[in-house]
Amino acid sequence: MYLLNMNVEQLAIVNVISGVSTLALQRFVGRWFDRNRKLIMFLGRFLLVTFPLSYALANNVYVIYLANTVAGFTNSASNIAYIGFVYDNAEDRRTAVSLYNLFYGVGTLIGSLISGSLVTVVAGYVGLRNSIRYMLLGDAAARAVTATLYMGV
């Protein structure tokens, strides 16, 4: 939003695109997950690189709109694949889902804190806009590397 000077209406459009694409793809992703769980789990995580890359490299808001159509797939994979995997492989489902959400939240918190700290440090050398772009590119790389862990599931 900051890099492209997006306004509130444009941000709302991004959220609508994401929600509509999730509704449109959820059933398809669910059927595909039943046939190839490992691939859906990998792609669900790997395609998360789309978002930081689009914000880091886009030169207009329409690229962001297009990138958020991918959110339908990644959100559907998150809604179906990961929770489905936890349900299928846990003896105590309530505890397993709780721990999944706990670790997901802690991971998000840690990533946000580290990224924010790095942006603050790097901004003094290259400026705020460039430091945000570098942070987003680093986030994309970290997401791609982390997605490879799902191939071992």
Protein backbone atom coordinates (compact mmCIF):
# COMPACT_ATOMS: atom_id res chain seq x y z
CA MET A 1 0.00 0.00 0.00
CA TYR A 2 2.79 2.41 0.94
CA LEU A 3 4.95 1.70 -2.11
CA LEU A 4 2.15 2.21 -4.62
CA ASN A 5 0.34 4.99 -2.76
CA MET A 6 -2.85 2.93 -2.72
CA ASN A 7 -5.96 4.50 -1.25
CA VAL A 8 -8.58 2.86 0.96
CA GLU A 9 -10.83 1.99 -1.97
CA GLN A 10 -8.01 0.20 -3.78
CA LEU A 11 -7.18 -1.75 -0.65
CA ALA A 12 -10.84 -2.73 -0.36
CA ILE A 13 -10.78 -3.96 -3.97
CA VAL A 14 -7.73 -6.10 -3.15
CA ASN A 15 -9.66 -7.71 -0.27
CA VAL A 16 -12.75 -8.31 -2.43
CA ILE A 17 -10.66 -9.94 -5.17
CA SER A 18 -9.00 -12.17 -2.59
CA GLY A 19 -12.32 -13.19 -1.03
CA VAL A 20 -14.09 -13.82 -4.34
CA SER A 21 -11.20 -15.86 -5.73
CA THR A 22 -11.17 -17.94 -2.52
CA LEU A 23 -14.89 -18.67 -2.86
CA ALA A 24 -14.45 -19.53 -6.53
CA LEU A 25 -11.51 -21.92 -6.01
CA GLN A 26 -12.27 -23.57 -2.66
CA ARG A 27 -14.23 -26.53 -4.09
CA PHE A 28 -11.68 -27.09 -6.86
CA VAL A 29 -8.76 -27.05 -4.42
CA GLY A 30 -10.61 -29.44 -2.12
CA ARG A 31 -11.08 -31.99 -4.92
CA TRP A 32 -7.47 -31.57 -6.03
CA PHE A 33 -6.27 -31.98 -2.43
CA ASP A 34 -8.01 -35.36 -2.24
CA ARG A 35 -5.93 -36.54 -5.22
CA ASN A 36 -2.55 -35.00 -4.43
CA ARG A 37 -2.13 -33.72 -0.88
CA LYS A 38 1.59 -33.09 -0.98
CA LEU A 39 1.41 -31.01 -4.14
CA ILE A 40 -1.44 -28.82 -2.83
CA MET A 41 0.35 -28.26 0.47
CA PHE A 42 3.55 -27.31 -1.36
CA LEU A 43 1.82 -25.03 -3.89
CA GLY A 44 -0.32 -23.47 -1.18
CA ARG A 45 2.82 -22.32 0.59
CA PHE A 46 5.03 -21.71 -2.43
CA LEU A 47 2.50 -19.44 -4.15
CA LEU A 48 2.56 -17.19 -1.09
CA VAL A 49 5.68 -15.68 -2.70
CA THR A 50 3.28 -13.97 -5.14
CA PHE A 51 2.19 -11.38 -2.59
CA PRO A 52 5.51 -9.95 -1.39
CA LEU A 53 6.90 -10.14 -4.93
CA SER A 54 3.93 -8.26 -6.35
CA TYR A 55 4.19 -5.51 -3.76
CA ALA A 56 7.97 -5.26 -4.14
CA LEU A 57 8.05 -5.23 -7.93
CA ALA A 58 4.70 -3.82 -9.08
CA ASN A 59 4.60 -0.46 -10.74
CA ASN A 60 0.80 -0.06 -10.47
CA VAL A 61 -2.14 -1.30 -8.45
CA TYR A 62 -3.44 -3.56 -11.24
CA VAL A 63 -0.51 -5.91 -10.71
CA ILE A 64 -1.59 -6.17 -7.07
CA TYR A 65 -5.15 -6.92 -8.17
CA LEU A 66 -3.93 -9.68 -10.48
CA ALA A 67 -1.64 -11.15 -7.84
CA ASN A 68 -4.51 -11.33 -5.37
CA THR A 69 -6.43 -13.68 -7.64
CA VAL A 70 -3.79 -16.22 -6.52
CA ALA A 71 -5.07 -15.70 -2.98
CA GLY A 72 -8.03 -17.90 -3.88
CA PHE A 73 -5.70 -20.83 -4.23
CA THR A 74 -3.48 -20.08 -1.26
CA ASN A 75 -6.43 -19.32 1.04
CA SER A 76 -8.24 -22.46 -0.08
CA ALA A 77 -5.14 -24.55 0.50
CA SER A 78 -4.86 -23.04 3.96
CA ASN A 79 -8.53 -23.61 4.74
CA ILE A 80 -8.57 -27.19 3.47
CA ALA A 81 -5.13 -28.75 3.13
CA TYR A 82 -3.34 -27.82 6.32
CA ILE A 83 -6.24 -28.31 8.69
CA GLY A 84 -7.17 -31.50 6.80
CA PHE A 85 -3.62 -32.76 7.21
CA VAL A 86 -3.71 -32.02 10.94
CA TYR A 87 -7.08 -33.78 11.30
CA ASP A 88 -5.89 -36.83 9.37
CA ASN A 89 -2.66 -37.22 11.33
CA ALA A 90 -3.59 -36.30 14.89
CA GLU A 91 -4.89 -38.49 17.66
CA ASP A 92 -6.10 -35.52 19.70
CA ARG A 93 -7.50 -33.19 17.03
CA ARG A 94 -8.44 -30.35 19.36
CA THR A 95 -4.93 -30.11 20.74
CA ALA A 96 -3.35 -30.52 17.31
CA VAL A 97 -5.45 -27.74 15.74
CA SER A 98 -4.75 -25.50 18.73
CA LEU A 99 -1.02 -26.11 18.46
CA TYR A 100 -1.11 -25.57 14.69
CA ASN A 101 -2.78 -22.18 15.18
CA LEU A 102 -0.42 -21.30 18.03
CA PHE A 103 2.73 -22.04 16.03
CA TYR A 104 1.32 -20.36 12.93
CA GLY A 105 0.61 -17.24 14.96
CA VAL A 106 3.99 -17.29 16.71
CA GLY A 107 5.75 -17.75 13.36
CA THR A 108 3.84 -14.82 11.90
CA LEU A 109 4.68 -12.68 14.91
CA ILE A 110 8.38 -13.54 14.78
CA GLY A 111 8.55 -12.90 11.03
CA SER A 112 6.82 -9.55 11.42
CA LEU A 113 9.08 -8.45 14.26
CA ILE A 114 12.25 -9.45 12.43
CA SER A 115 11.10 -7.81 9.20
CA GLY A 116 10.09 -4.60 10.94
CA SER A 117 13.40 -4.45 12.77
CA LEU A 118 15.40 -5.04 9.60
CA VAL A 119 13.43 -2.37 7.72
CA THR A 120 14.17 0.09 10.50
CA VAL A 121 17.91 -0.66 10.43
CA VAL A 122 18.26 -0.78 6.63
CA ALA A 123 16.13 2.36 6.09
CA GLY A 124 18.92 4.47 7.53
CA TYR A 125 21.18 3.33 4.67
CA VAL A 126 18.93 2.99 1.61
CA GLY A 127 15.75 4.88 2.51
CA LEU A 128 12.38 3.61 3.62
CA ARG A 129 10.97 2.67 0.20
CA ASN A 130 14.00 0.59 -0.78
CA SER A 131 14.23 -1.05 2.63
CA ILE A 132 10.57 -2.10 2.34
CA ARG A 133 11.22 -3.52 -1.13
CA TYR A 134 14.23 -5.47 0.16
CA MET A 135 12.20 -6.78 3.08
CA LEU A 136 9.45 -7.95 0.71
CA LEU A 137 11.99 -9.67 -1.56
CA GLY A 138 13.53 -11.37 1.49
CA ASP A 139 10.07 -12.44 2.61
CA ALA A 140 9.41 -13.99 -0.81
CA ALA A 141 12.70 -15.90 -0.65
CA ALA A 142 11.97 -17.13 2.89
CA ARG A 143 8.49 -18.28 1.85
CA ALA A 144 9.92 -20.18 -1.13
CA VAL A 145 12.52 -21.92 1.02
CA THR A 146 9.97 -22.77 3.69
CA ALA A 147 7.59 -24.20 1.09
CA THR A 148 10.15 -26.86 0.22
CA LEU A 149 9.68 -28.30 3.71
CA TYR A 150 6.17 -29.32 2.69
CA MET A 151 7.58 -31.71 0.11
CA GLY A 152 8.74 -33.93 2.96
CA VAL A 153 5.26 -34.18 4.49
